[in-house]
Amino acid sequence: MIKKNKFISTLSSPFRETEGFSFHGMLKKEIKFISKLSSLFRQTKAFSWLSGCLLLFTIACNNPSTYNQLKITPVDSEEIKLKYERAFASIEKVKPLIKQGDMILRTGNDFTSESLRQLSFTDKTYSHCGIASIENDTIFIYHALGGEWNPDEKLRRDPLELFCNPEENRGIGIFSFKFTGAEINKLDSIVKAWYNKGLMFDMKFDLATNDRMYCAEFVSKAISAATGNQIIFSTSRINKFEFVAVDNLFLNKFCEEKKRIRFQ
C-alpha cells in the first residue's frame, strides 16, 4: 500500500467518504453508472461502443493476475508522492488566475470519465465541469455529479483542491466567458439558488427538464440564464439523442482559455 503524505490524505478523505474507495466498491459503482448511461443509447450506434468498453473493463477487473503482478517499490512510492506535490503546487500557482464565474474543467482518470470524454466529438480533453465562486478568499467549484459517487445526487460545492484532486484527475482547465459585472453577479445568484434548492443530478440526461441537470447542462443553462440568452451553447447529437457535451462549453465563441494543466 502506498503511504501518502498527511496533506493528501486529509484532503482526499471527504471525497472518499462520498465516493467510497475500495476497489470492488468502485467497480460496482462504475458498472452501475455506465449501465444507466448505456440505457440512454440503446437505440443508437453509441450503445455498442459503450457496451464494448464496459465488457473490456469488466474482463480486465476480473483478471486477478494483472493486479497480483503489480509491486510497489519505495522508488514508486516516492515518485507518486512527488507527482502529487507537483500537482498541488501547480494548482496553487494558478489560483490567482481564477475569477468569479470562471469555468473549471477536469480530466478524470477513472473508466467512467474516460467514457464520458468520448461524448465530446471535437476536443476530448475534459470529462467534467463546474463554475467557480470565490467566497471569503476560498475558491469553491459548484458542479453537478451523479451516481453513487454523490449519494444524494444534489449539486455539489467543493473546494478547488478537492475538485481538482490529482489522485482522481489527470489535469484541469481554466476558462472564462465575456461577462459583464451584472452578469457575473446574476450567475452567482443563480448557481447558489440552485445549490440551496438542492438541484438534483439528471441521470436521464434530458435537456428538456430543468428540475434535474447533469454537469454540462448545469453550466450551460446557468450561463445562458445569467446572460439573458446572450450566450447560448451548441449541442451534440447521437441520432435522436441531443445533449450538451463538455467541449460544447469551452469551444463556444464567447469562451476564452486561461490555462490548461496536465499533472505530471
C-alpha atoms as a PDB file:
ATOM      1  CA  MET A   1       0.000   0.000   0.000  1.00  0.00           C
ATOM      2  CA  ILE A   2       1.352   3.410  -0.918  1.00  0.00           C
ATOM      3  CA  LYS A   3       1.706   5.716   2.044  1.00  0.00           C
ATOM      4  CA  LYS A   4       0.543   9.226   1.103  1.00  0.00           C
ATOM      5  CA  ASN A   5       1.561  12.360   2.914  1.00  0.00           C
ATOM      6  CA  LYS A   6      -0.759  13.738   5.569  1.00  0.00           C
ATOM      7  CA  PHE A   7      -1.939  16.675   3.432  1.00  0.00           C
ATOM      8  CA  ILE A   8      -3.111  14.490   0.582  1.00  0.00           C
ATOM      9  CA  SER A   9      -4.812  12.028   2.919  1.00  0.00           C
ATOM     10  CA  THR A  10      -6.642  14.812   4.737  1.00  0.00           C
ATOM     11  CA  LEU A  11      -7.711  16.473   1.510  1.00  0.00           C
ATOM     12  CA  SER A  12      -8.973  13.322  -0.123  1.00  0.00           C
ATOM     13  CA  SER A  13     -10.821  11.882   2.882  1.00  0.00           C
ATOM     14  CA  PRO A  14     -14.148  13.732   2.324  1.00  0.00           C
ATOM     15  CA  PHE A  15     -14.007  12.743  -1.332  1.00  0.00           C
ATOM     16  CA  ARG A  16     -13.571   9.125  -0.364  1.00  0.00           C
ATOM     17  CA  GLU A  17     -16.369   9.290   2.164  1.00  0.00           C
ATOM     18  CA  THR A  18     -18.660  10.421  -0.633  1.00  0.00           C
ATOM     19  CA  GLU A  19     -17.478   8.094  -3.330  1.00  0.00           C
ATOM     20  CA  GLY A  20     -16.046   5.116  -1.477  1.00  0.00           C
ATOM     21  CA  PHE A  21     -12.550   3.910  -2.180  1.00  0.00           C
ATOM     22  CA  SER A  22     -12.421   0.103  -2.102  1.00  0.00           C
ATOM     23  CA  PHE A  23     -11.599  -1.396  -5.464  1.00  0.00           C
ATOM     24  CA  HIS A  24     -14.600  -3.721  -5.593  1.00  0.00           C
ATOM     25  CA  GLY A  25     -16.906  -0.936  -4.391  1.00  0.00           C
ATOM     26  CA  MET A  26     -15.550   1.331  -7.100  1.00  0.00           C
ATOM     27  CA  LEU A  27     -16.068  -1.386  -9.716  1.00  0.00           C
ATOM     28  CA  LYS A  28     -19.726  -1.799  -8.766  1.00  0.00           C
ATOM     29  CA  LYS A  29     -20.274   1.957  -8.957  1.00  0.00           C
ATOM     30  CA  GLU A  30     -18.559   2.211 -12.342  1.00  0.00           C
ATOM     31  CA  ILE A  31     -20.649  -0.606 -13.801  1.00  0.00           C
ATOM     32  CA  LYS A  32     -23.928   0.735 -12.398  1.00  0.00           C
ATOM     33  CA  PHE A  33     -23.297   4.227 -13.746  1.00  0.00           C
ATOM     34  CA  ILE A  34     -22.216   3.005 -17.178  1.00  0.00           C
ATOM     35  CA  SER A  35     -25.249   0.696 -17.307  1.00  0.00           C
ATOM     36  CA  LYS A  36     -27.515   3.689 -16.719  1.00  0.00           C
ATOM     37  CA  LEU A  37     -25.623   5.715 -19.284  1.00  0.00           C
ATOM     38  CA  SER A  38     -25.758   2.878 -21.790  1.00  0.00           C
ATOM     39  CA  SER A  39     -29.543   2.653 -21.488  1.00  0.00           C
ATOM     40  CA  LEU A  40     -29.754   6.129 -22.985  1.00  0.00           C
ATOM     41  CA  PHE A  41     -28.176   4.872 -26.177  1.00  0.00           C
ATOM     42  CA  ARG A  42     -29.867   1.524 -26.705  1.00  0.00           C
ATOM     43  CA  GLN A  43     -31.382   2.731 -29.950  1.00  0.00           C
ATOM     44  CA  THR A  44     -28.184   4.416 -31.137  1.00  0.00           C
ATOM     45  CA  LYS A  45     -24.805   3.462 -32.508  1.00  0.00           C
ATOM     46  CA  ALA A  46     -23.239   4.560 -29.226  1.00  0.00           C
ATOM     47  CA  PHE A  47     -24.716   1.557 -27.424  1.00  0.00           C
ATOM     48  CA  SER A  48     -22.340  -0.951 -28.999  1.00  0.00           C
ATOM     49  CA  TRP A  49     -19.372   1.265 -28.163  1.00  0.00           C
ATOM     50  CA  LEU A  50     -20.368   1.731 -24.521  1.00  0.00           C
ATOM     51  CA  SER A  51     -21.172  -1.941 -24.123  1.00  0.00           C
ATOM     52  CA  GLY A  52     -17.813  -2.865 -25.616  1.00  0.00           C
ATOM     53  CA  CYS A  53     -15.988  -0.536 -23.226  1.00  0.00           C
ATOM     54  CA  LEU A  54     -17.868  -1.986 -20.272  1.00  0.00           C
ATOM     55  CA  LEU A  55     -17.126  -5.552 -21.349  1.00  0.00           C
ATOM     56  CA  LEU A  56     -13.395  -4.885 -21.698  1.00  0.00           C
ATOM     57  CA  PHE A  57     -13.316  -3.093 -18.342  1.00  0.00           C
ATOM     58  CA  THR A  58     -15.167  -5.916 -16.606  1.00  0.00           C
ATOM     59  CA  ILE A  59     -12.837  -8.555 -18.063  1.00  0.00           C
ATOM     60  CA  ALA A  60      -9.767  -6.577 -17.023  1.00  0.00           C
ATOM     61  CA  CYS A  61     -11.036  -6.012 -13.497  1.00  0.00           C
ATOM     62  CA  ASN A  62     -11.913  -9.674 -13.033  1.00  0.00           C
ATOM     63  CA  ASN A  63      -8.435 -10.807 -14.033  1.00  0.00           C
ATOM     64  CA  PRO A  64      -6.596 -11.006 -10.687  1.00  0.00           C
ATOM     65  CA  SER A  65      -3.295 -11.942 -12.292  1.00  0.00           C
ATOM     66  CA  THR A  66      -2.965  -8.403 -13.616  1.00  0.00           C
ATOM     67  CA  TYR A  67      -3.031  -6.961 -10.110  1.00  0.00           C
ATOM     68  CA  ASN A  68      -1.058  -9.764  -8.484  1.00  0.00           C
ATOM     69  CA  GLN A  69       1.881  -8.822 -10.692  1.00  0.00           C
ATOM     70  CA  LEU A  70       1.852  -5.206  -9.502  1.00  0.00           C
ATOM     71  CA  LYS A  71       4.588  -4.452  -6.998  1.00  0.00           C
ATOM     72  CA  ILE A  72       5.022  -1.022  -5.422  1.00  0.00           C
ATOM     73  CA  THR A  73       8.622  -0.215  -4.585  1.00  0.00           C
ATOM     74  CA  PRO A  74       9.917   2.606  -2.368  1.00  0.00           C
ATOM     75  CA  VAL A  75      11.034   4.389  -5.546  1.00  0.00           C
ATOM     76  CA  ASP A  76       7.486   4.176  -6.957  1.00  0.00           C
ATOM     77  CA  SER A  77       6.039   5.474  -3.722  1.00  0.00           C
ATOM     78  CA  GLU A  78       8.384   8.434  -3.644  1.00  0.00           C
ATOM     79  CA  GLU A  79       7.703   9.284  -7.297  1.00  0.00           C
ATOM     80  CA  ILE A  80       3.931   9.243  -6.758  1.00  0.00           C
ATOM     81  CA  LYS A  81       4.327  11.448  -3.692  1.00  0.00           C
ATOM     82  CA  LEU A  82       6.411  13.911  -5.720  1.00  0.00           C
ATOM     83  CA  LYS A  83       3.852  13.851  -8.531  1.00  0.00           C
ATOM     84  CA  TYR A  84       1.066  14.800  -6.127  1.00  0.00           C
ATOM     85  CA  GLU A  85       3.189  17.553  -4.632  1.00  0.00           C
ATOM     86  CA  ARG A  86       3.937  18.966  -8.094  1.00  0.00           C
ATOM     87  CA  ALA A  87       0.238  18.810  -8.972  1.00  0.00           C
ATOM     88  CA  PHE A  88      -0.867  20.660  -5.844  1.00  0.00           C
ATOM     89  CA  ALA A  89       1.877  23.236  -6.428  1.00  0.00           C
ATOM     90  CA  SER A  90       0.595  23.826  -9.955  1.00  0.00           C
ATOM     91  CA  ILE A  91      -2.978  24.222  -8.634  1.00  0.00           C
ATOM     92  CA  GLU A  92      -1.765  26.741  -6.068  1.00  0.00           C
ATOM     93  CA  LYS A  93       0.123  28.640  -8.762  1.00  0.00           C
ATOM     94  CA  VAL A  94      -2.934  29.165 -10.985  1.00  0.00           C
ATOM     95  CA  LYS A  95      -5.308  30.232  -8.199  1.00  0.00           C
ATOM     96  CA  PRO A  96      -4.728  33.953  -8.929  1.00  0.00           C
ATOM     97  CA  LEU A  97      -5.977  33.358 -12.484  1.00  0.00           C
ATOM     98  CA  ILE A  98      -9.378  32.135 -11.312  1.00  0.00           C
ATOM     99  CA  LYS A  99     -12.093  34.748 -11.117  1.00  0.00           C
ATOM    100  CA  GLN A 100     -15.735  34.696 -10.073  1.00  0.00           C
ATOM    101  CA  GLY A 101     -17.824  32.825 -12.637  1.00  0.00           C
ATOM    102  CA  ASP A 102     -14.929  31.091 -14.384  1.00  0.00           C
ATOM    103  CA  MET A 103     -15.494  27.577 -15.683  1.00  0.00           C
ATOM    104  CA  ILE A 104     -13.198  24.898 -14.276  1.00  0.00           C
ATOM    105  CA  LEU A 105     -12.797  21.623 -16.152  1.00  0.00           C
ATOM    106  CA  ARG A 106     -11.086  18.414 -15.123  1.00  0.00           C
ATOM    107  CA  THR A 107      -9.904  15.178 -16.709  1.00  0.00           C
ATOM    108  CA  GLY A 108     -10.889  12.248 -14.507  1.00  0.00           C
ATOM    109  CA  ASN A 109      -8.679   9.158 -14.510  1.00  0.00           C
ATOM    110  CA  ASP A 110     -11.425   6.563 -13.923  1.00  0.00           C
ATOM    111  CA  PHE A 111     -13.230   4.468 -16.516  1.00  0.00           C
ATOM    112  CA  THR A 112     -16.461   6.470 -16.381  1.00  0.00           C
ATOM    113  CA  SER A 113     -14.588   9.714 -17.037  1.00  0.00           C
ATOM    114  CA  GLU A 114     -12.820   8.132 -19.993  1.00  0.00           C
ATOM    115  CA  SER A 115     -16.204   7.074 -21.375  1.00  0.00           C
ATOM    116  CA  LEU A 116     -17.779  10.494 -20.888  1.00  0.00           C
ATOM    117  CA  ARG A 117     -14.852  12.163 -22.644  1.00  0.00           C
ATOM    118  CA  GLN A 118     -15.793  10.265 -25.787  1.00  0.00           C
ATOM    119  CA  LEU A 119     -19.098  12.150 -25.909  1.00  0.00           C
ATOM    120  CA  SER A 120     -17.118  15.264 -26.854  1.00  0.00           C
ATOM    121  CA  PHE A 121     -16.702  14.984 -30.603  1.00  0.00           C
ATOM    122  CA  THR A 122     -14.117  17.753 -31.237  1.00  0.00           C
ATOM    123  CA  ASP A 123     -11.908  18.042 -28.146  1.00  0.00           C
ATOM    124  CA  LYS A 124     -11.995  15.054 -25.797  1.00  0.00           C
ATOM    125  CA  THR A 125      -9.662  16.510 -23.170  1.00  0.00           C
ATOM    126  CA  TYR A 126     -12.137  17.001 -20.329  1.00  0.00           C
ATOM    127  CA  SER A 127     -14.723  14.812 -18.624  1.00  0.00           C
ATOM    128  CA  HIS A 128     -16.349  17.129 -16.054  1.00  0.00           C
ATOM    129  CA  CYS A 129     -17.058  20.807 -15.443  1.00  0.00           C
ATOM    130  CA  GLY A 130     -18.143  23.317 -12.824  1.00  0.00           C
ATOM    131  CA  ILE A 131     -18.444  27.030 -12.047  1.00  0.00           C
ATOM    132  CA  ALA A 132     -16.001  28.845  -9.746  1.00  0.00           C
ATOM    133  CA  SER A 133     -17.111  31.027  -6.854  1.00  0.00           C
ATOM    134  CA  ILE A 134     -14.724  32.951  -4.604  1.00  0.00           C
ATOM    135  CA  GLU A 135     -16.087  33.038  -1.064  1.00  0.00           C
ATOM    136  CA  ASN A 136     -14.024  34.553   1.773  1.00  0.00           C
ATOM    137  CA  ASP A 137     -10.812  34.083  -0.237  1.00  0.00           C
ATOM    138  CA  THR A 138     -11.563  30.394  -0.842  1.00  0.00           C
ATOM    139  CA  ILE A 139     -12.314  29.091  -4.331  1.00  0.00           C
ATOM    140  CA  PHE A 140     -15.270  26.728  -4.477  1.00  0.00           C
ATOM    141  CA  ILE A 141     -16.492  24.829  -7.533  1.00  0.00           C
ATOM    142  CA  TYR A 142     -20.214  24.231  -7.949  1.00  0.00           C
ATOM    143  CA  HIS A 143     -20.855  21.165 -10.068  1.00  0.00           C
ATOM    144  CA  ALA A 144     -23.457  18.511 -10.806  1.00  0.00           C
ATOM    145  CA  LEU A 145     -22.285  14.983 -10.026  1.00  0.00           C
ATOM    146  CA  GLY A 146     -24.405  11.865 -10.144  1.00  0.00           C
ATOM    147  CA  GLY A 147     -24.484   8.173  -9.430  1.00  0.00           C
ATOM    148  CA  GLU A 148     -23.119   6.578  -6.272  1.00  0.00           C
ATOM    149  CA  TRP A 149     -20.136   8.938  -6.275  1.00  0.00           C
ATOM    150  CA  ASN A 150     -22.555  11.543  -4.919  1.00  0.00           C
ATOM    151  CA  PRO A 151     -25.174   9.590  -2.944  1.00  0.00           C
ATOM    152  CA  ASP A 152     -27.789  12.334  -2.547  1.00  0.00           C
ATOM    153  CA  GLU A 153     -27.166  13.464  -6.159  1.00  0.00           C
ATOM    154  CA  LYS A 154     -27.522  17.117  -5.167  1.00  0.00           C
ATOM    155  CA  LEU A 155     -25.459  19.935  -6.652  1.00  0.00           C
ATOM    156  CA  ARG A 156     -22.025  19.965  -5.014  1.00  0.00           C
ATOM    157  CA  ARG A 157     -19.865  22.780  -3.659  1.00  0.00           C
ATOM    158  CA  ASP A 158     -16.267  21.599  -3.353  1.00  0.00           C
ATOM    159  CA  PRO A 159     -13.007  23.458  -2.642  1.00  0.00           C
ATOM    160  CA  LEU A 160     -10.845  23.808  -5.741  1.00  0.00           C
ATOM    161  CA  GLU A 161      -8.211  21.399  -4.364  1.00  0.00           C
ATOM    162  CA  LEU A 162     -10.809  18.687  -3.874  1.00  0.00           C
ATOM    163  CA  PHE A 163     -12.446  19.237  -7.258  1.00  0.00           C
ATOM    164  CA  CYS A 164      -9.009  19.025  -8.932  1.00  0.00           C
ATOM    165  CA  ASN A 165      -7.638  16.278  -6.656  1.00  0.00           C
ATOM    166  CA  PRO A 166      -4.658  14.788  -8.581  1.00  0.00           C
ATOM    167  CA  GLU A 167      -5.343  11.344  -7.113  1.00  0.00           C
ATOM    168  CA  GLU A 168      -8.522  11.287  -9.194  1.00  0.00           C
ATOM    169  CA  ASN A 169      -7.635  13.556 -12.132  1.00  0.00           C
ATOM    170  CA  ARG A 170      -5.011  13.894 -14.829  1.00  0.00           C
ATOM    171  CA  GLY A 171      -5.342  17.632 -15.263  1.00  0.00           C
ATOM    172  CA  ILE A 172      -7.551  20.711 -15.224  1.00  0.00           C
ATOM    173  CA  GLY A 173      -8.535  23.622 -17.424  1.00  0.00           C
ATOM    174  CA  ILE A 174      -9.491  27.181 -16.540  1.00  0.00           C
ATOM    175  CA  PHE A 175     -11.801  29.070 -18.904  1.00  0.00           C
ATOM    176  CA  SER A 176     -13.681  32.363 -18.728  1.00  0.00           C
ATOM    177  CA  PHE A 177     -16.604  33.953 -20.532  1.00  0.00           C
ATOM    178  CA  LYS A 178     -17.101  37.552 -21.622  1.00  0.00           C
ATOM    179  CA  PHE A 179     -19.449  38.526 -18.800  1.00  0.00           C
ATOM    180  CA  THR A 180     -20.449  41.972 -17.686  1.00  0.00           C
ATOM    181  CA  GLY A 181     -20.292  42.741 -13.972  1.00  0.00           C
ATOM    182  CA  ALA A 182     -24.061  42.421 -13.709  1.00  0.00           C
ATOM    183  CA  GLU A 183     -23.974  39.038 -15.455  1.00  0.00           C
ATOM    184  CA  ILE A 184     -21.336  37.725 -13.055  1.00  0.00           C
ATOM    185  CA  ASN A 185     -23.499  38.730 -10.097  1.00  0.00           C
ATOM    186  CA  LYS A 186     -26.564  37.149 -11.666  1.00  0.00           C
ATOM    187  CA  LEU A 187     -24.680  33.928 -12.421  1.00  0.00           C
ATOM    188  CA  ASP A 188     -23.537  33.770  -8.807  1.00  0.00           C
ATOM    189  CA  SER A 189     -27.119  34.228  -7.593  1.00  0.00           C
ATOM    190  CA  ILE A 190     -28.479  31.549  -9.941  1.00  0.00           C
ATOM    191  CA  VAL A 191     -25.832  28.979  -9.022  1.00  0.00           C
ATOM    192  CA  LYS A 192     -26.254  29.499  -5.278  1.00  0.00           C
ATOM    193  CA  ALA A 193     -30.050  29.448  -5.539  1.00  0.00           C
ATOM    194  CA  TRP A 194     -29.897  26.081  -7.313  1.00  0.00           C
ATOM    195  CA  TYR A 195     -27.414  24.817  -4.736  1.00  0.00           C
ATOM    196  CA  ASN A 196     -29.586  25.911  -1.807  1.00  0.00           C
ATOM    197  CA  LYS A 197     -32.599  24.352  -3.515  1.00  0.00           C
ATOM    198  CA  GLY A 198     -30.749  21.045  -3.775  1.00  0.00           C
ATOM    199  CA  LEU A 199     -30.760  20.745  -7.566  1.00  0.00           C
ATOM    200  CA  MET A 200     -30.628  17.035  -8.377  1.00  0.00           C
ATOM    201  CA  PHE A 201     -28.450  15.278 -10.935  1.00  0.00           C
ATOM    202  CA  ASP A 202     -30.228  14.186 -14.115  1.00  0.00           C
ATOM    203  CA  MET A 203     -29.455  10.517 -14.735  1.00  0.00           C
ATOM    204  CA  LYS A 204     -31.671  10.627 -17.840  1.00  0.00           C
ATOM    205  CA  PHE A 205     -29.548  13.363 -19.433  1.00  0.00           C
ATOM    206  CA  ASP A 206     -32.746  15.110 -20.510  1.00  0.00           C
ATOM    207  CA  LEU A 207     -32.229  18.680 -21.746  1.00  0.00           C
ATOM    208  CA  ALA A 208     -35.978  19.299 -21.797  1.00  0.00           C
ATOM    209  CA  THR A 209     -36.268  19.284 -17.989  1.00  0.00           C
ATOM    210  CA  ASN A 210     -34.909  21.870 -15.543  1.00  0.00           C
ATOM    211  CA  ASP A 211     -35.565  20.233 -12.182  1.00  0.00           C
ATOM    212  CA  ARG A 212     -32.595  17.914 -12.703  1.00  0.00           C
ATOM    213  CA  MET A 213     -29.364  18.619 -14.589  1.00  0.00           C
ATOM    214  CA  TYR A 214     -26.135  16.853 -15.477  1.00  0.00           C
ATOM    215  CA  CYS A 215     -22.776  18.633 -15.317  1.00  0.00           C
ATOM    216  CA  ALA A 216     -22.548  20.309 -18.746  1.00  0.00           C
ATOM    217  CA  GLU A 217     -26.273  21.052 -18.726  1.00  0.00           C
ATOM    218  CA  PHE A 218     -25.947  22.816 -15.363  1.00  0.00           C
ATOM    219  CA  VAL A 219     -23.108  25.034 -16.606  1.00  0.00           C
ATOM    220  CA  SER A 220     -24.754  25.847 -19.945  1.00  0.00           C
ATOM    221  CA  LYS A 221     -28.182  26.673 -18.511  1.00  0.00           C
ATOM    222  CA  ALA A 222     -26.760  28.756 -15.660  1.00  0.00           C
ATOM    223  CA  ILE A 223     -24.656  30.851 -18.050  1.00  0.00           C
ATOM    224  CA  SER A 224     -27.463  31.255 -20.583  1.00  0.00           C
ATOM    225  CA  ALA A 225     -29.884  32.343 -17.841  1.00  0.00           C
ATOM    226  CA  ALA A 226     -27.360  34.793 -16.373  1.00  0.00           C
ATOM    227  CA  THR A 227     -26.750  36.455 -19.744  1.00  0.00           C
ATOM    228  CA  GLY A 228     -30.389  36.589 -20.849  1.00  0.00           C
ATOM    229  CA  ASN A 229     -29.548  34.027 -23.549  1.00  0.00           C
ATOM    230  CA  GLN A 230     -26.864  36.283 -24.989  1.00  0.00           C
ATOM    231  CA  ILE A 231     -24.566  33.291 -24.550  1.00  0.00           C
ATOM    232  CA  ILE A 232     -26.093  30.058 -25.759  1.00  0.00           C
ATOM    233  CA  PHE A 233     -24.381  26.756 -26.437  1.00  0.00           C
ATOM    234  CA  SER A 234     -24.497  24.391 -29.342  1.00  0.00           C
ATOM    235  CA  THR A 235     -25.494  20.804 -28.633  1.00  0.00           C
ATOM    236  CA  SER A 236     -24.278  17.427 -29.833  1.00  0.00           C
ATOM    237  CA  ARG A 237     -26.357  14.572 -31.184  1.00  0.00           C
ATOM    238  CA  ILE A 238     -26.204  10.816 -31.444  1.00  0.00           C
ATOM    239  CA  ASN A 239     -29.098  10.026 -33.728  1.00  0.00           C
ATOM    240  CA  LYS A 240     -32.154  11.474 -31.911  1.00  0.00           C
ATOM    241  CA  PHE A 241     -30.394  11.918 -28.580  1.00  0.00           C
ATOM    242  CA  GLU A 242     -29.424  15.587 -28.026  1.00  0.00           C
ATOM    243  CA  PHE A 243     -27.068  16.646 -25.251  1.00  0.00           C
ATOM    244  CA  VAL A 244     -24.537  19.272 -24.195  1.00  0.00           C
ATOM    245  CA  ALA A 245     -21.045  17.824 -24.261  1.00  0.00           C
ATOM    246  CA  VAL A 246     -18.192  19.308 -22.263  1.00  0.00           C
ATOM    247  CA  ASP A 247     -16.449  20.553 -25.412  1.00  0.00           C
ATOM    248  CA  ASN A 248     -19.641  22.379 -26.447  1.00  0.00           C
ATOM    249  CA  LEU A 249     -18.893  24.620 -23.462  1.00  0.00           C
ATOM    250  CA  PHE A 250     -15.245  25.580 -23.869  1.00  0.00           C
ATOM    251  CA  LEU A 251     -15.348  25.741 -27.681  1.00  0.00           C
ATOM    252  CA  ASN A 252     -18.090  28.361 -27.500  1.00  0.00           C
ATOM    253  CA  LYS A 253     -17.121  31.613 -29.261  1.00  0.00           C
ATOM    254  CA  PHE A 254     -17.615  33.612 -26.052  1.00  0.00           C
ATOM    255  CA  CYS A 255     -15.303  31.348 -24.064  1.00  0.00           C
ATOM    256  CA  GLU A 256     -11.615  32.131 -23.555  1.00  0.00           C
ATOM    257  CA  GLU A 257      -8.953  29.719 -22.400  1.00  0.00           C
ATOM    258  CA  LYS A 258      -6.877  30.884 -19.457  1.00  0.00           C
ATOM    259  CA  LYS A 259      -4.804  27.838 -18.634  1.00  0.00           C
ATOM    260  CA  ARG A 260      -4.563  24.098 -19.212  1.00  0.00           C
ATOM    261  CA  ILE A 261      -2.615  21.998 -16.744  1.00  0.00           C
ATOM    262  CA  ARG A 262      -1.604  18.369 -17.070  1.00  0.00           C
ATOM    263  CA  PHE A 263      -0.458  16.807 -13.814  1.00  0.00           C
ATOM    264  CA  GLN A 264       2.997  15.325 -14.319  1.00  0.00           C
END
